[in-house]
Protein backbone atom coordinates (compact mmCIF):
# COMPACT_ATOMS: atom_id res chain seq x y z
CA MET A 1 15.88 15.78 37.31
CA SER A 2 12.59 14.20 36.44
CA VAL A 3 10.42 15.77 33.80
CA ASN A 4 6.78 16.28 34.59
CA LEU A 5 4.61 14.50 32.00
CA ALA A 6 2.11 17.34 31.93
CA SER A 7 4.77 19.97 31.22
CA LEU A 8 6.30 17.76 28.51
CA THR A 9 2.94 17.34 26.85
CA ALA A 10 2.24 21.06 27.02
CA ALA A 11 5.65 21.79 25.49
CA LEU A 12 5.01 19.36 22.61
CA LEU A 13 1.63 20.94 21.92
CA GLN A 14 3.19 24.40 21.65
CA LEU A 15 5.50 23.28 18.82
CA PRO A 16 4.40 24.09 15.28
CA ALA A 17 2.59 21.29 13.50
CA VAL A 18 5.15 19.01 11.89
CA PHE A 19 3.06 18.12 8.87
CA GLU A 20 2.09 21.70 8.03
CA THR A 21 5.60 22.42 6.79
CA GLN A 22 6.70 21.57 3.26
CA PRO A 23 9.12 18.79 4.33
CA GLY A 24 6.38 17.37 6.53
CA GLN A 25 3.92 17.27 3.65
CA LEU A 26 6.57 15.70 1.43
CA PHE A 27 7.15 13.06 4.08
CA LEU A 28 3.41 12.32 4.26
CA GLY A 29 3.28 12.05 0.45
CA ILE A 30 6.15 9.59 0.38
CA VAL A 31 4.58 7.49 3.13
CA ALA A 32 1.28 7.44 1.25
CA LEU A 33 3.06 6.41 -1.96
CA LEU A 34 4.85 3.61 -0.16
CA ALA A 35 1.55 2.36 1.28
CA VAL A 36 -0.08 2.37 -2.19
CA MET A 37 2.90 0.54 -3.69
CA LEU A 38 2.88 -2.09 -0.95
CA VAL A 39 -0.84 -2.78 -1.35
CA GLY A 40 -0.49 -2.75 -5.16
CA ARG A 41 2.37 -5.24 -5.03
CA ILE A 42 0.33 -7.66 -2.94
CA VAL A 43 -2.75 -7.28 -5.18
CA LEU A 44 -0.72 -7.72 -8.36
CA LYS A 45 0.93 -10.84 -6.99
CA ILE A 46 -2.51 -12.38 -6.50
CA ALA A 47 -3.92 -11.03 -9.78
CA TRP A 48 -1.03 -12.47 -11.78
CA LYS A 49 -1.75 -16.01 -10.49
CA VAL A 50 -5.49 -15.67 -11.09
CA THR A 51 -4.92 -14.43 -14.64
CA LEU A 52 -2.47 -17.26 -15.37
CA VAL A 53 -4.93 -19.90 -14.13
CA ALA A 54 -7.75 -18.33 -16.13
CA GLY A 55 -5.62 -18.26 -19.29
CA LEU A 56 -4.57 -21.88 -18.91
CA GLY A 57 -8.14 -22.95 -18.20
CA LEU A 58 -9.52 -21.09 -21.17
CA GLY A 59 -6.79 -22.50 -23.43
CA ALA A 60 -7.60 -26.04 -22.30
CA PHE A 61 -11.31 -25.40 -22.84
CA LEU A 62 -10.61 -24.07 -26.33
CA LEU A 63 -8.51 -27.14 -27.23
CA VAL A 64 -11.12 -29.55 -25.90
CA THR A 65 -14.03 -27.89 -27.69
CA THR A 66 -12.10 -27.55 -30.93
CA PHE A 67 -10.77 -31.09 -31.26
CA LEU A 68 -13.08 -33.27 -29.18
CA VAL A 69 -16.50 -31.82 -30.00
């Protein structure tokens, strides 16, 4: 019992679109939210370090210019 690839493809194309249903759209929304959260987590991890370095550098500059100049 081997299944012909062409008949299998034709059968899949006759099914209703998965993402046109309400659960399908909900699934796409959740996947999009997860992608945004993953990218945001990576960006915030980098931004936190850059902000910390900038704050320390500016604080050191402020101390140097206040007391040494």
